[in-house]
């Protein structure tokens, strides 16, 4: 009888733990489109606590290998709010080339496909929620 009680308790405990175990975490997949020509796609991911566009964020690099789109799979972020900034490093120098007044000379983009007008966009316009139900976004590169 004691063995039966221990088995019932073990099965109950296993069932309870299985009910509260979270499902496998999904990568954040960022598909970058409208890539023209050669060069790496360099991206930065900002968290809500970061100073948006004021410093160099967590960086990720993808090689589109001549294709007009590429997907960056990011596995090391917890679910939450983020904003992404990216650019096409056509000359391979690792920085976003700019003209006078900081106007970029290489294609760039922001999450939510925000298109800046006369100044850099704000966090609230670029932020998105990464969750188990929303883990893929698409960002279109543009020459402005």
C-alpha atoms as a PDB file:
ATOM      1  CA  UNK A   1       0.000   0.000   0.000  1.00  0.00           C
ATOM      2  CA  UNK A   2       2.879   2.353   0.818  1.00  0.00           C
ATOM      3  CA  UNK A   3       4.373   1.788  -2.670  1.00  0.00           C
ATOM      4  CA  UNK A   4       1.040   2.583  -4.329  1.00  0.00           C
ATOM      5  CA  UNK A   5       0.782   5.874  -2.403  1.00  0.00           C
ATOM      6  CA  UNK A   6       4.362   6.834  -3.369  1.00  0.00           C
ATOM      7  CA  UNK A   7       3.638   6.074  -7.036  1.00  0.00           C
ATOM      8  CA  UNK A   8       0.431   8.124  -6.977  1.00  0.00           C
ATOM      9  CA  UNK A   9       2.275  11.009  -5.322  1.00  0.00           C
ATOM     10  CA  UNK A  10       5.113  10.813  -7.891  1.00  0.00           C
ATOM     11  CA  UNK A  11       2.685  10.798 -10.840  1.00  0.00           C
ATOM     12  CA  UNK A  12       0.737  13.716  -9.331  1.00  0.00           C
ATOM     13  CA  UNK A  13       3.927  15.713  -8.789  1.00  0.00           C
ATOM     14  CA  UNK A  14       5.123  15.006 -12.351  1.00  0.00           C
ATOM     15  CA  UNK A  15       1.743  16.060 -13.767  1.00  0.00           C
ATOM     16  CA  UNK A  16       1.772  19.266 -11.727  1.00  0.00           C
ATOM     17  CA  UNK A  17       5.316  20.151 -12.847  1.00  0.00           C
ATOM     18  CA  UNK A  18       4.466  19.432 -16.485  1.00  0.00           C
ATOM     19  CA  UNK A  19       1.492  21.783 -16.278  1.00  0.00           C
ATOM     20  CA  UNK A  20       3.674  24.678 -15.086  1.00  0.00           C
ATOM     21  CA  UNK A  21       6.657  24.080 -17.366  1.00  0.00           C
ATOM     22  CA  UNK A  22       6.875  26.773 -20.030  1.00  0.00           C
ATOM     23  CA  UNK A  23       7.024  25.767 -23.677  1.00  0.00           C
ATOM     24  CA  UNK A  24      10.312  25.957 -25.552  1.00  0.00           C
ATOM     25  CA  UNK A  25      11.355  29.557 -26.178  1.00  0.00           C
ATOM     26  CA  UNK A  26      11.108  30.717 -29.789  1.00  0.00           C
ATOM     27  CA  UNK A  27      13.880  32.728 -31.454  1.00  0.00           C
ATOM     28  CA  UNK A  28      13.190  36.280 -32.517  1.00  0.00           C
ATOM     29  CA  UNK A  29      13.360  36.157 -36.308  1.00  0.00           C
ATOM     30  CA  UNK A  30      13.989  39.421 -38.124  1.00  0.00           C
ATOM     31  CA  UNK A  31      13.572  39.256 -41.902  1.00  0.00           C
ATOM     32  CA  UNK A  32      15.309  42.100 -43.716  1.00  0.00           C
ATOM     33  CA  UNK A  33      14.025  42.840 -47.235  1.00  0.00           C
ATOM     34  CA  UNK A  34      14.931  45.143 -50.121  1.00  0.00           C
ATOM     35  CA  UNK A  35      18.667  44.376 -49.952  1.00  0.00           C
ATOM     36  CA  UNK A  36      20.442  45.729 -53.039  1.00  0.00           C
ATOM     37  CA  UNK A  37      23.998  44.615 -53.767  1.00  0.00           C
ATOM     38  CA  UNK A  38      26.731  43.081 -51.647  1.00  0.00           C
ATOM     39  CA  UNK A  39      27.601  43.717 -48.025  1.00  0.00           C
ATOM     40  CA  UNK A  40      26.617  42.615 -44.548  1.00  0.00           C
ATOM     41  CA  UNK A  41      23.430  43.561 -42.724  1.00  0.00           C
ATOM     42  CA  UNK A  42      24.376  44.994 -39.341  1.00  0.00           C
ATOM     43  CA  UNK A  43      21.648  45.296 -36.744  1.00  0.00           C
ATOM     44  CA  UNK A  44      21.314  46.579 -33.220  1.00  0.00           C
ATOM     45  CA  UNK A  45      18.703  45.604 -30.671  1.00  0.00           C
ATOM     46  CA  UNK A  46      17.659  48.081 -27.999  1.00  0.00           C
ATOM     47  CA  UNK A  47      15.859  47.220 -24.764  1.00  0.00           C
ATOM     48  CA  UNK A  48      13.468  49.613 -22.962  1.00  0.00           C
ATOM     49  CA  UNK A  49      16.144  50.467 -20.384  1.00  0.00           C
ATOM     50  CA  UNK A  50      18.693  51.395 -23.076  1.00  0.00           C
ATOM     51  CA  UNK A  51      19.172  54.941 -24.288  1.00  0.00           C
ATOM     52  CA  UNK A  52      17.666  54.510 -27.753  1.00  0.00           C
ATOM     53  CA  UNK A  53      20.104  55.586 -30.501  1.00  0.00           C
ATOM     54  CA  UNK A  54      22.471  57.111 -27.924  1.00  0.00           C
ATOM     55  CA  UNK A  55      24.967  54.225 -27.780  1.00  0.00           C
ATOM     56  CA  UNK A  56      25.944  51.052 -29.625  1.00  0.00           C
ATOM     57  CA  UNK A  57      23.351  48.368 -28.843  1.00  0.00           C
ATOM     58  CA  UNK A  58      23.548  44.565 -28.756  1.00  0.00           C
ATOM     59  CA  UNK A  59      24.701  43.760 -32.294  1.00  0.00           C
ATOM     60  CA  UNK A  60      23.922  41.021 -34.798  1.00  0.00           C
ATOM     61  CA  UNK A  61      25.308  40.508 -38.310  1.00  0.00           C
ATOM     62  CA  UNK A  62      23.879  38.610 -41.283  1.00  0.00           C
ATOM     63  CA  UNK A  63      25.308  37.899 -44.734  1.00  0.00           C
ATOM     64  CA  UNK A  64      22.577  37.917 -47.406  1.00  0.00           C
ATOM     65  CA  UNK A  65      24.991  36.233 -49.884  1.00  0.00           C
ATOM     66  CA  UNK A  66      23.692  38.239 -52.831  1.00  0.00           C
ATOM     67  CA  UNK A  67      19.999  37.652 -52.025  1.00  0.00           C
ATOM     68  CA  UNK A  68      17.515  40.501 -51.674  1.00  0.00           C
ATOM     69  CA  UNK A  69      16.418  39.323 -48.211  1.00  0.00           C
ATOM     70  CA  UNK A  70      17.914  37.599 -45.183  1.00  0.00           C
ATOM     71  CA  UNK A  71      16.567  36.401 -41.828  1.00  0.00           C
ATOM     72  CA  UNK A  72      18.455  37.020 -38.599  1.00  0.00           C
ATOM     73  CA  UNK A  73      17.580  34.505 -35.856  1.00  0.00           C
ATOM     74  CA  UNK A  74      18.214  35.867 -32.385  1.00  0.00           C
ATOM     75  CA  UNK A  75      18.150  33.311 -29.585  1.00  0.00           C
ATOM     76  CA  UNK A  76      19.626  35.148 -26.597  1.00  0.00           C
ATOM     77  CA  UNK A  77      16.872  37.649 -25.775  1.00  0.00           C
ATOM     78  CA  UNK A  78      14.127  37.185 -23.196  1.00  0.00           C
ATOM     79  CA  UNK A  79      10.580  37.982 -24.281  1.00  0.00           C
ATOM     80  CA  UNK A  80       9.744  41.673 -23.951  1.00  0.00           C
ATOM     81  CA  UNK A  81       9.792  45.016 -25.734  1.00  0.00           C
ATOM     82  CA  UNK A  82      12.590  45.892 -28.159  1.00  0.00           C
ATOM     83  CA  UNK A  83      13.472  48.233 -31.003  1.00  0.00           C
ATOM     84  CA  UNK A  84      15.782  47.324 -33.882  1.00  0.00           C
ATOM     85  CA  UNK A  85      17.996  49.538 -36.016  1.00  0.00           C
ATOM     86  CA  UNK A  86      19.841  48.082 -38.987  1.00  0.00           C
ATOM     87  CA  UNK A  87      21.853  49.087 -42.017  1.00  0.00           C
ATOM     88  CA  UNK A  88      23.411  47.585 -45.135  1.00  0.00           C
ATOM     89  CA  UNK A  89      27.183  47.882 -44.757  1.00  0.00           C
ATOM     90  CA  UNK A  90      27.884  48.030 -48.492  1.00  0.00           C
ATOM     91  CA  UNK A  91      31.556  48.949 -48.173  1.00  0.00           C
ATOM     92  CA  UNK A  92      32.313  46.567 -45.274  1.00  0.00           C
ATOM     93  CA  UNK A  93      33.817  49.196 -42.977  1.00  0.00           C
ATOM     94  CA  UNK A  94      31.552  48.274 -40.025  1.00  0.00           C
ATOM     95  CA  UNK A  95      29.947  51.704 -39.651  1.00  0.00           C
ATOM     96  CA  UNK A  96      26.983  53.521 -41.156  1.00  0.00           C
ATOM     97  CA  UNK A  97      28.496  56.042 -43.567  1.00  0.00           C
ATOM     98  CA  UNK A  98      27.005  59.520 -43.354  1.00  0.00           C
ATOM     99  CA  UNK A  99      27.023  62.817 -45.215  1.00  0.00           C
ATOM    100  CA  UNK A 100      27.013  66.203 -43.618  1.00  0.00           C
ATOM    101  CA  UNK A 101      24.422  66.636 -40.852  1.00  0.00           C
ATOM    102  CA  UNK A 102      24.485  62.857 -40.245  1.00  0.00           C
ATOM    103  CA  UNK A 103      22.397  61.861 -43.263  1.00  0.00           C
ATOM    104  CA  UNK A 104      23.160  58.177 -43.992  1.00  0.00           C
ATOM    105  CA  UNK A 105      24.654  57.218 -47.359  1.00  0.00           C
ATOM    106  CA  UNK A 106      23.939  53.504 -46.891  1.00  0.00           C
ATOM    107  CA  UNK A 107      20.474  51.907 -46.715  1.00  0.00           C
ATOM    108  CA  UNK A 108      19.102  51.654 -43.164  1.00  0.00           C
ATOM    109  CA  UNK A 109      15.849  50.863 -41.387  1.00  0.00           C
ATOM    110  CA  UNK A 110      14.035  50.761 -38.055  1.00  0.00           C
ATOM    111  CA  UNK A 111      11.625  48.222 -36.593  1.00  0.00           C
ATOM    112  CA  UNK A 112       7.975  48.859 -37.486  1.00  0.00           C
ATOM    113  CA  UNK A 113       9.394  50.230 -40.759  1.00  0.00           C
ATOM    114  CA  UNK A 114       9.451  53.698 -39.246  1.00  0.00           C
ATOM    115  CA  UNK A 115      10.668  56.240 -41.808  1.00  0.00           C
ATOM    116  CA  UNK A 116      12.361  59.201 -40.152  1.00  0.00           C
ATOM    117  CA  UNK A 117      11.553  62.629 -41.498  1.00  0.00           C
ATOM    118  CA  UNK A 118      13.827  65.408 -40.211  1.00  0.00           C
ATOM    119  CA  UNK A 119      15.215  63.657 -37.136  1.00  0.00           C
ATOM    120  CA  UNK A 120      15.792  60.197 -35.710  1.00  0.00           C
ATOM    121  CA  UNK A 121      12.632  58.353 -34.657  1.00  0.00           C
ATOM    122  CA  UNK A 122      11.632  57.901 -31.030  1.00  0.00           C
ATOM    123  CA  UNK A 123      11.612  54.629 -29.080  1.00  0.00           C
ATOM    124  CA  UNK A 124       7.800  54.556 -28.913  1.00  0.00           C
ATOM    125  CA  UNK A 125       7.510  54.518 -32.711  1.00  0.00           C
ATOM    126  CA  UNK A 126      10.063  51.708 -33.176  1.00  0.00           C
ATOM    127  CA  UNK A 127       9.284  49.430 -30.237  1.00  0.00           C
ATOM    128  CA  UNK A 128       7.587  46.073 -30.696  1.00  0.00           C
ATOM    129  CA  UNK A 129       6.722  43.194 -28.408  1.00  0.00           C
ATOM    130  CA  UNK A 130       8.593  39.910 -28.777  1.00  0.00           C
ATOM    131  CA  UNK A 131       6.523  37.066 -27.342  1.00  0.00           C
ATOM    132  CA  UNK A 132       5.745  33.387 -27.987  1.00  0.00           C
ATOM    133  CA  UNK A 133       2.816  34.537 -30.156  1.00  0.00           C
ATOM    134  CA  UNK A 134       4.731  37.290 -31.991  1.00  0.00           C
ATOM    135  CA  UNK A 135       8.312  36.242 -32.619  1.00  0.00           C
ATOM    136  CA  UNK A 136       8.850  37.253 -36.274  1.00  0.00           C
ATOM    137  CA  UNK A 137       9.062  40.735 -37.775  1.00  0.00           C
ATOM    138  CA  UNK A 138       9.955  42.078 -41.230  1.00  0.00           C
ATOM    139  CA  UNK A 139      11.960  45.237 -41.791  1.00  0.00           C
ATOM    140  CA  UNK A 140      12.395  46.853 -45.202  1.00  0.00           C
ATOM    141  CA  UNK A 141      15.704  48.590 -45.960  1.00  0.00           C
ATOM    142  CA  UNK A 142      15.423  51.988 -47.636  1.00  0.00           C
ATOM    143  CA  UNK A 143      17.655  54.666 -49.083  1.00  0.00           C
ATOM    144  CA  UNK A 144      16.366  57.924 -47.681  1.00  0.00           C
END
